Amino acid sequence: MKRATYTLDAPTVQRVDSLARRWKVSRSEAVRRAVATASIGPNRDGLSALRALQSRMALTKKRVDAWTREVKEQRRRWQP
């Protein structure tokens, strides 16, 4: 890893913080994921872009299963 210093405006910092909270990762990891996603470029189809992002997120079966359970529980709670 290399340390780097960047100056970001307040709205951008807020968006980075929001992503980090949503993904439950550090600010640095949120920035890495955002840059990785942006660097995929417009020439890739959606499925290839999704697969590339998923591989960079180092998803494990355990993490995917936990996420699936969480989403199902949230859906159950919000049903009328």
N, C-alpha and C. Protein backbone atom coordinates (compact mmCIF):
# COMPACT_ATOMS: atom_id res chain seq x y z
N MET A 1 0.84 -1.18 0.00
CA MET A 1 0.00 0.00 0.00
C MET A 1 0.89 1.24 0.00
N LYS A 2 0.39 2.27 -0.64
CA LYS A 2 1.07 3.56 -0.63
C LYS A 2 0.14 4.59 -0.03
N ARG A 3 0.68 5.46 0.78
CA ARG A 3 -0.10 6.56 1.34
C ARG A 3 -0.13 7.69 0.33
N ALA A 4 -1.27 8.36 0.26
CA ALA A 4 -1.42 9.50 -0.64
C ALA A 4 -2.31 10.53 0.05
N THR A 5 -2.13 11.77 -0.29
CA THR A 5 -2.95 12.83 0.27
C THR A 5 -3.68 13.53 -0.86
N TYR A 6 -5.00 13.67 -0.70
CA TYR A 6 -5.83 14.34 -1.69
C TYR A 6 -6.71 15.35 -0.98
N THR A 7 -7.05 16.39 -1.69
CA THR A 7 -7.96 17.39 -1.15
C THR A 7 -9.32 17.19 -1.82
N LEU A 8 -10.34 16.96 -1.00
CA LEU A 8 -11.69 16.73 -1.50
C LEU A 8 -12.61 17.79 -0.92
N ASP A 9 -13.61 18.19 -1.70
CA ASP A 9 -14.58 19.14 -1.17
C ASP A 9 -15.51 18.43 -0.19
N ALA A 10 -16.21 19.20 0.62
CA ALA A 10 -17.07 18.65 1.67
C ALA A 10 -18.12 17.67 1.14
N PRO A 11 -18.83 18.00 0.03
CA PRO A 11 -19.83 17.04 -0.47
C PRO A 11 -19.21 15.70 -0.87
N THR A 12 -18.01 15.72 -1.43
CA THR A 12 -17.35 14.47 -1.83
C THR A 12 -16.98 13.66 -0.60
N VAL A 13 -16.47 14.31 0.43
CA VAL A 13 -16.14 13.62 1.68
C VAL A 13 -17.40 12.99 2.27
N GLN A 14 -18.50 13.71 2.23
CA GLN A 14 -19.76 13.17 2.75
C GLN A 14 -20.18 11.93 1.96
N ARG A 15 -20.00 11.97 0.63
CA ARG A 15 -20.36 10.81 -0.18
C ARG A 15 -19.44 9.62 0.12
N VAL A 16 -18.15 9.88 0.31
CA VAL A 16 -17.22 8.81 0.66
C VAL A 16 -17.61 8.21 2.02
N ASP A 17 -17.91 9.07 2.98
CA ASP A 17 -18.33 8.58 4.30
C ASP A 17 -19.61 7.75 4.20
N SER A 18 -20.55 8.20 3.39
CA SER A 18 -21.81 7.48 3.21
C SER A 18 -21.56 6.10 2.61
N LEU A 19 -20.70 6.04 1.59
CA LEU A 19 -20.37 4.74 0.99
C LEU A 19 -19.69 3.84 2.00
N ALA A 20 -18.76 4.39 2.76
CA ALA A 20 -18.03 3.59 3.74
C ALA A 20 -18.99 3.01 4.78
N ARG A 21 -19.95 3.81 5.24
CA ARG A 21 -20.93 3.29 6.20
C ARG A 21 -21.81 2.21 5.57
N ARG A 22 -22.27 2.48 4.35
CA ARG A 22 -23.16 1.52 3.68
C ARG A 22 -22.45 0.19 3.45
N TRP A 23 -21.18 0.26 3.05
CA TRP A 23 -20.42 -0.95 2.77
C TRP A 23 -19.74 -1.53 4.00
N LYS A 24 -19.80 -0.78 5.13
CA LYS A 24 -19.16 -1.20 6.38
C LYS A 24 -17.67 -1.43 6.18
N VAL A 25 -17.03 -0.43 5.57
CA VAL A 25 -15.59 -0.49 5.32
C VAL A 25 -15.00 0.88 5.70
N SER A 26 -13.68 0.96 5.65
CA SER A 26 -13.00 2.22 5.94
C SER A 26 -13.21 3.20 4.78
N ARG A 27 -12.89 4.46 5.05
CA ARG A 27 -12.94 5.47 3.98
C ARG A 27 -12.01 5.07 2.83
N SER A 28 -10.81 4.62 3.20
CA SER A 28 -9.84 4.24 2.17
C SER A 28 -10.37 3.13 1.27
N GLU A 29 -11.01 2.13 1.88
CA GLU A 29 -11.56 1.03 1.09
C GLU A 29 -12.70 1.52 0.21
N ALA A 30 -13.52 2.43 0.73
CA ALA A 30 -14.61 2.99 -0.08
C ALA A 30 -14.05 3.72 -1.30
N VAL A 31 -12.99 4.48 -1.10
CA VAL A 31 -12.36 5.19 -2.23
C VAL A 31 -11.78 4.18 -3.21
N ARG A 32 -11.10 3.14 -2.71
CA ARG A 32 -10.52 2.11 -3.61
C ARG A 32 -11.62 1.46 -4.45
N ARG A 33 -12.74 1.11 -3.82
CA ARG A 33 -13.84 0.46 -4.56
C ARG A 33 -14.44 1.41 -5.59
N ALA A 34 -14.61 2.67 -5.21
CA ALA A 34 -15.18 3.64 -6.15
C ALA A 34 -14.27 3.84 -7.34
N VAL A 35 -12.97 3.96 -7.09
CA VAL A 35 -12.02 4.14 -8.19
C VAL A 35 -11.98 2.89 -9.07
N ALA A 36 -12.01 1.72 -8.45
CA ALA A 36 -12.00 0.47 -9.22
C ALA A 36 -13.22 0.39 -10.11
N THR A 37 -14.37 0.75 -9.57
CA THR A 37 -15.61 0.72 -10.34
C THR A 37 -15.56 1.72 -11.49
N ALA A 38 -15.09 2.92 -11.21
CA ALA A 38 -15.02 3.96 -12.23
C ALA A 38 -14.02 3.60 -13.32
N SER A 39 -12.96 2.88 -12.96
CA SER A 39 -11.92 2.55 -13.94
C SER A 39 -12.31 1.42 -14.88
N ILE A 40 -13.44 0.77 -14.60
CA ILE A 40 -13.90 -0.30 -15.48
C ILE A 40 -14.11 0.24 -16.88
N GLY A 41 -14.63 1.44 -16.97
CA GLY A 41 -14.76 2.11 -18.26
C GLY A 41 -16.05 1.78 -18.97
N PRO A 42 -16.37 2.60 -19.96
CA PRO A 42 -17.64 2.47 -20.68
C PRO A 42 -17.68 1.33 -21.69
N ASN A 43 -16.55 0.72 -21.98
CA ASN A 43 -16.51 -0.32 -23.02
C ASN A 43 -16.90 -1.70 -22.52
N ARG A 44 -17.14 -1.83 -21.24
CA ARG A 44 -17.51 -3.13 -20.69
C ARG A 44 -19.02 -3.24 -20.57
N ASP A 45 -19.52 -4.41 -20.80
CA ASP A 45 -20.95 -4.61 -20.61
C ASP A 45 -21.24 -4.72 -19.12
N GLY A 46 -22.49 -4.59 -18.75
CA GLY A 46 -22.88 -4.56 -17.34
C GLY A 46 -22.48 -5.80 -16.56
N LEU A 47 -22.67 -6.97 -17.15
CA LEU A 47 -22.35 -8.21 -16.44
C LEU A 47 -20.85 -8.32 -16.19
N SER A 48 -20.05 -7.96 -17.16
CA SER A 48 -18.59 -7.99 -16.96
C SER A 48 -18.18 -7.01 -15.88
N ALA A 49 -18.80 -5.84 -15.87
CA ALA A 49 -18.49 -4.84 -14.86
C ALA A 49 -18.86 -5.37 -13.47
N LEU A 50 -20.02 -6.00 -13.35
CA LEU A 50 -20.44 -6.57 -12.07
C LEU A 50 -19.47 -7.64 -11.60
N ARG A 51 -19.08 -8.53 -12.49
CA ARG A 51 -18.14 -9.59 -12.11
C ARG A 51 -16.79 -9.03 -11.68
N ALA A 52 -16.32 -8.00 -12.38
CA ALA A 52 -15.06 -7.37 -12.01
C ALA A 52 -15.14 -6.74 -10.63
N LEU A 53 -16.24 -6.05 -10.36
CA LEU A 53 -16.43 -5.43 -9.06
C LEU A 53 -16.50 -6.48 -7.97
N GLN A 54 -17.26 -7.54 -8.20
CA GLN A 54 -17.40 -8.59 -7.20
C GLN A 54 -16.06 -9.25 -6.90
N SER A 55 -15.24 -9.45 -7.91
CA SER A 55 -13.95 -10.09 -7.67
C SER A 55 -13.05 -9.18 -6.84
N ARG A 56 -13.13 -7.87 -7.06
CA ARG A 56 -12.33 -6.94 -6.27
C ARG A 56 -12.83 -6.81 -4.84
N MET A 57 -14.09 -7.11 -4.61
CA MET A 57 -14.66 -7.02 -3.26
C MET A 57 -14.32 -8.25 -2.42
N ALA A 58 -13.69 -9.24 -3.01
CA ALA A 58 -13.28 -10.46 -2.30
C ALA A 58 -14.46 -11.08 -1.56
N LEU A 59 -15.56 -11.24 -2.27
CA LEU A 59 -16.74 -11.83 -1.66
C LEU A 59 -16.51 -13.31 -1.36
N THR A 60 -16.90 -13.70 -0.18
CA THR A 60 -16.85 -15.12 0.19
C THR A 60 -18.29 -15.61 0.29
N LYS A 61 -18.45 -16.91 0.26
CA LYS A 61 -19.80 -17.48 0.40
C LYS A 61 -20.42 -17.05 1.72
N LYS A 62 -19.63 -17.01 2.77
CA LYS A 62 -20.13 -16.61 4.08
C LYS A 62 -20.65 -15.17 4.06
N ARG A 63 -19.91 -14.26 3.44
CA ARG A 63 -20.33 -12.86 3.37
C ARG A 63 -21.58 -12.71 2.50
N VAL A 64 -21.63 -13.43 1.39
CA VAL A 64 -22.80 -13.36 0.51
C VAL A 64 -24.03 -13.91 1.22
N ASP A 65 -23.87 -15.03 1.91
CA ASP A 65 -25.00 -15.62 2.64
C ASP A 65 -25.51 -14.68 3.73
N ALA A 66 -24.58 -14.03 4.44
CA ALA A 66 -24.98 -13.09 5.49
C ALA A 66 -25.74 -11.92 4.89
N TRP A 67 -25.25 -11.41 3.78
CA TRP A 67 -25.92 -10.30 3.11
C TRP A 67 -27.32 -10.71 2.65
N THR A 68 -27.44 -11.91 2.09
CA THR A 68 -28.73 -12.41 1.61
C THR A 68 -29.72 -12.51 2.76
N ARG A 69 -29.27 -13.04 3.90
CA ARG A 69 -30.15 -13.14 5.08
C ARG A 69 -30.58 -11.76 5.54
N GLU A 70 -29.65 -10.82 5.55
CA GLU A 70 -29.96 -9.45 6.00
C GLU A 70 -31.01 -8.81 5.09
N VAL A 71 -30.85 -8.95 3.79
CA VAL A 71 -31.80 -8.36 2.84
C VAL A 71 -33.18 -9.00 2.99
N LYS A 72 -33.22 -10.32 3.11
CA LYS A 72 -34.51 -11.00 3.27
C LYS A 72 -35.21 -10.54 4.54
N GLU A 73 -34.44 -10.38 5.63
CA GLU A 73 -35.03 -9.92 6.89
C GLU A 73 -35.56 -8.49 6.75
N GLN A 74 -34.82 -7.63 6.07
CA GLN A 74 -35.28 -6.26 5.86
C GLN A 74 -36.57 -6.24 5.04
N ARG A 75 -36.63 -7.07 4.03
CA ARG A 75 -37.85 -7.14 3.20
C ARG A 75 -39.04 -7.61 4.02
N ARG A 76 -38.82 -8.61 4.88
CA ARG A 76 -39.90 -9.12 5.73
C ARG A 76 -40.42 -8.03 6.66
N ARG A 77 -39.51 -7.24 7.22
CA ARG A 77 -39.89 -6.17 8.15
C ARG A 77 -40.69 -5.07 7.46
N TRP A 78 -40.44 -4.84 6.19
CA TRP A 78 -41.08 -3.73 5.50
C TRP A 78 -42.34 -4.14 4.74
N GLN A 79 -42.71 -5.40 4.79
CA GLN A 79 -43.94 -5.83 4.11
C GLN A 79 -45.15 -5.34 4.89
N PRO A 80 -46.16 -4.84 4.17
CA PRO A 80 -47.39 -4.35 4.86
C PRO A 80 -48.20 -5.48 5.47
